[in-house]
Amino acid sequence: MEGSQSSELADRACWDRLTEKQRACLDLLLERKTSKQIAIELDISKPTVDQRITTARNILGATDRHDAARRYARLKRTYDRITYDPMDIPSAPTFVPSDFADGDPSEPMQANADGGIPVGSWGTGLPFGKIGSHDHGSSARLAIVATMLVVMVISLLGGLGIAQALTRLISG
């Protein structure tokens, strides 16, 4: 009994020493992915993946990658349990009385795809239309950047002109 308790303590110590990044690599190793595939999925370099797996292998006391995967899988079954499944149950919908006479506005407002700024008869709800969207072509992006640069240069020159006029007024 005492041997199994010390084994459990050693297992827990190994589990606690593994970092989240090492666990992420080991999780993908459990899916039998290569270091290159893991690197692509985690958006890191292959040597970084190899380093994390080697360090995890040393922590687990494994002889190779497959042994590390087996030991990690055993520890994961024991220590990576979700004790409860958090569930967010939305409250029941309630009806809100309408401010309109017949309950229907003349120009209904619609929500954007992301549920953000409402859309009405004025377009997308953004002050400058679709400038803030990310689906512009390269020529449209270039035109937007050029316009922004021109506005910044004009603002800077206007500020310098005002500063020069104030300097002349103060110096008399």
Protein backbone atom coordinates (compact mmCIF):
# COMPACT_ATOMS: atom_id res chain seq x y z
CA MET A 1 0.00 0.00 0.00
CA GLU A 2 2.85 2.33 0.87
CA GLY A 3 4.52 1.68 -2.51
CA SER A 4 1.41 2.62 -4.43
CA GLN A 5 1.08 5.82 -2.42
CA SER A 6 4.65 6.87 -3.23
CA SER A 7 4.00 5.94 -6.86
CA GLU A 8 0.93 8.18 -6.88
CA LEU A 9 2.95 11.03 -5.38
CA ALA A 10 5.65 10.57 -8.01
CA ASP A 11 3.02 10.53 -10.77
CA ARG A 12 1.43 13.70 -9.41
CA ALA A 13 4.84 15.38 -9.21
CA CYS A 14 5.53 14.45 -12.84
CA TRP A 15 2.12 15.78 -13.90
CA ASP A 16 2.65 19.04 -12.02
CA ARG A 17 6.11 19.55 -13.56
CA LEU A 18 4.75 19.37 -17.13
CA THR A 19 4.04 22.82 -18.56
CA GLU A 20 0.95 23.65 -20.59
CA LYS A 21 3.10 23.96 -23.72
CA GLN A 22 4.62 20.53 -23.16
CA ARG A 23 1.14 19.10 -22.58
CA ALA A 24 -0.08 20.67 -25.82
CA CYS A 25 2.74 18.94 -27.71
CA LEU A 26 2.11 15.65 -25.90
CA ASP A 27 -1.63 15.85 -26.65
CA LEU A 28 -0.84 16.03 -30.35
CA LEU A 29 1.76 13.30 -29.95
CA LEU A 30 -1.04 11.11 -28.58
CA GLU A 31 -2.79 11.65 -31.92
CA ARG A 32 0.33 10.13 -33.56
CA LYS A 33 1.38 13.36 -35.21
CA THR A 34 4.96 14.04 -36.25
CA SER A 35 7.00 16.91 -34.88
CA LYS A 36 6.50 18.77 -38.14
CA GLN A 37 2.70 18.34 -37.97
CA ILE A 38 2.70 19.43 -34.31
CA ALA A 39 4.80 22.48 -35.20
CA ILE A 40 2.39 23.48 -37.95
CA GLU A 41 -0.67 23.03 -35.74
CA LEU A 42 0.81 24.96 -32.79
CA ASP A 43 2.45 27.55 -35.05
CA ILE A 44 5.92 26.99 -33.60
CA SER A 45 9.17 25.64 -35.03
CA LYS A 46 9.98 21.94 -35.28
CA PRO A 47 13.08 22.26 -33.01
CA THR A 48 10.85 23.85 -30.36
CA VAL A 49 8.47 20.89 -30.56
CA ASP A 50 11.38 18.47 -30.27
CA GLN A 51 12.75 20.39 -27.28
CA ARG A 52 9.38 20.37 -25.49
CA ILE A 53 8.87 16.67 -26.12
CA THR A 54 12.43 15.84 -25.00
CA THR A 55 12.00 17.85 -21.80
CA ALA A 56 8.63 16.20 -21.15
CA ARG A 57 10.20 12.80 -21.86
CA ASN A 58 12.87 13.51 -19.24
CA ILE A 59 10.24 14.62 -16.71
CA LEU A 60 8.19 11.47 -17.34
CA GLY A 61 11.26 9.24 -17.24
CA ALA A 62 10.43 7.80 -20.66
CA THR A 63 12.91 6.13 -22.99
CA ASP A 64 11.48 7.43 -26.27
CA ARG A 65 8.58 9.40 -27.75
CA HIS A 66 6.20 6.44 -27.76
CA ASP A 67 6.97 5.63 -24.13
CA ALA A 68 6.45 9.30 -23.25
CA ALA A 69 3.08 9.24 -25.03
CA ARG A 70 2.02 6.09 -23.15
CA ARG A 71 3.07 7.54 -19.77
CA TYR A 72 1.45 10.88 -20.54
CA ALA A 73 -1.81 9.18 -21.58
CA ARG A 74 -1.88 7.26 -18.28
CA LEU A 75 -1.25 10.45 -16.27
CA LYS A 76 -3.77 12.40 -18.31
CA ARG A 77 -6.51 9.87 -17.58
CA THR A 78 -5.80 10.27 -13.87
CA TYR A 79 -5.04 13.97 -13.41
CA ASP A 80 -6.71 15.80 -16.31
CA ARG A 81 -10.28 15.08 -15.38
CA ILE A 82 -13.03 17.61 -15.47
CA THR A 83 -14.78 17.22 -12.15
CA TYR A 84 -17.96 18.71 -13.51
CA ASP A 85 -19.23 19.85 -16.84
CA PRO A 86 -19.87 23.56 -16.56
CA MET A 87 -23.08 24.29 -18.37
CA ASP A 88 -24.47 27.73 -18.96
CA ILE A 89 -28.22 27.47 -19.11
CA PRO A 90 -29.69 30.66 -20.55
CA SER A 91 -32.64 32.17 -18.81
CA ALA A 92 -36.03 31.86 -20.44
CA PRO A 93 -36.75 34.58 -22.97
CA THR A 94 -39.10 37.31 -21.90
CA PHE A 95 -41.18 39.56 -24.08
CA VAL A 96 -40.57 43.29 -23.85
CA PRO A 97 -43.41 45.67 -24.66
CA SER A 98 -42.94 47.60 -27.89
CA ASP A 99 -42.65 51.40 -28.02
CA PHE A 100 -44.28 51.45 -31.45
CA ALA A 101 -48.01 51.98 -31.88
CA ASP A 102 -48.65 48.80 -33.83
CA GLY A 103 -45.65 46.93 -32.43
CA ASP A 104 -43.73 47.04 -35.73
CA PRO A 105 -41.22 49.78 -36.61
CA SER A 106 -41.45 51.30 -40.07
CA GLU A 107 -37.77 50.53 -40.83
CA PRO A 108 -36.73 47.46 -38.87
CA MET A 109 -33.16 47.28 -37.67
CA GLN A 110 -31.27 44.07 -38.34
CA ALA A 111 -28.26 42.70 -36.51
CA ASN A 112 -24.92 42.11 -38.18
CA ALA A 113 -23.65 38.57 -38.65
CA ASP A 114 -21.53 38.91 -35.49
CA GLY A 115 -24.45 40.32 -33.51
CA GLY A 116 -22.69 43.66 -33.15
CA ILE A 117 -23.65 47.07 -34.48
CA PRO A 118 -27.25 47.22 -35.72
CA VAL A 119 -27.92 47.75 -39.39
CA GLY A 120 -30.58 50.22 -40.45
CA SER A 121 -31.28 52.29 -43.53
CA TRP A 122 -27.88 54.01 -43.14
CA GLY A 123 -25.77 51.00 -44.16
CA THR A 124 -23.50 48.96 -41.97
CA GLY A 125 -23.81 51.06 -38.84
CA LEU A 126 -20.15 52.09 -39.00
CA PRO A 127 -19.42 55.80 -39.41
CA PHE A 128 -17.47 55.26 -42.64
CA GLY A 129 -19.30 52.32 -44.14
CA LYS A 130 -17.20 49.24 -44.83
CA ILE A 131 -13.75 50.76 -44.15
CA GLY A 132 -13.44 48.79 -40.93
CA SER A 133 -14.13 45.43 -42.57
CA HIS A 134 -11.30 43.02 -43.39
CA ASP A 135 -12.46 41.89 -46.82
CA HIS A 136 -10.94 44.62 -49.01
CA GLY A 137 -8.77 43.92 -52.03
CA SER A 138 -5.18 45.11 -52.19
CA SER A 139 -6.04 48.18 -54.30
CA ALA A 140 -8.77 49.23 -51.85
CA ARG A 141 -6.37 48.77 -48.92
CA LEU A 142 -3.76 50.86 -50.71
CA ALA A 143 -6.34 53.61 -51.35
CA ILE A 144 -7.43 53.59 -47.69
CA VAL A 145 -3.82 53.80 -46.44
CA ALA A 146 -3.00 56.58 -48.94
CA THR A 147 -6.08 58.55 -47.84
CA MET A 148 -5.14 58.14 -44.20
CA LEU A 149 -1.60 59.35 -44.91
CA VAL A 150 -2.88 62.40 -46.79
CA VAL A 151 -5.21 63.27 -43.90
CA MET A 152 -2.34 62.90 -41.42
CA VAL A 153 -0.01 65.12 -43.49
CA ILE A 154 -2.68 67.80 -43.88
CA SER A 155 -3.39 67.68 -40.13
CA LEU A 156 0.32 67.96 -39.34
CA LEU A 157 0.83 70.89 -41.71
CA GLY A 158 -2.27 72.62 -40.34
CA GLY A 159 -0.97 72.18 -36.80
CA LEU A 160 2.42 73.58 -37.75
CA GLY A 161 0.74 76.58 -39.45
CA ILE A 162 -1.29 77.29 -36.32
CA ALA A 163 1.83 76.96 -34.16
CA GLN A 164 3.73 79.38 -36.40
CA ALA A 165 0.87 81.91 -36.31
CA LEU A 166 0.67 81.70 -32.52
CA THR A 167 4.44 82.14 -32.24
CA ARG A 168 4.26 85.30 -34.38
CA LEU A 169 1.38 86.63 -32.24
CA ILE A 170 3.18 86.01 -28.99
CA SER A 171 6.56 87.37 -30.12
CA GLY A 172 4.76 90.45 -31.34
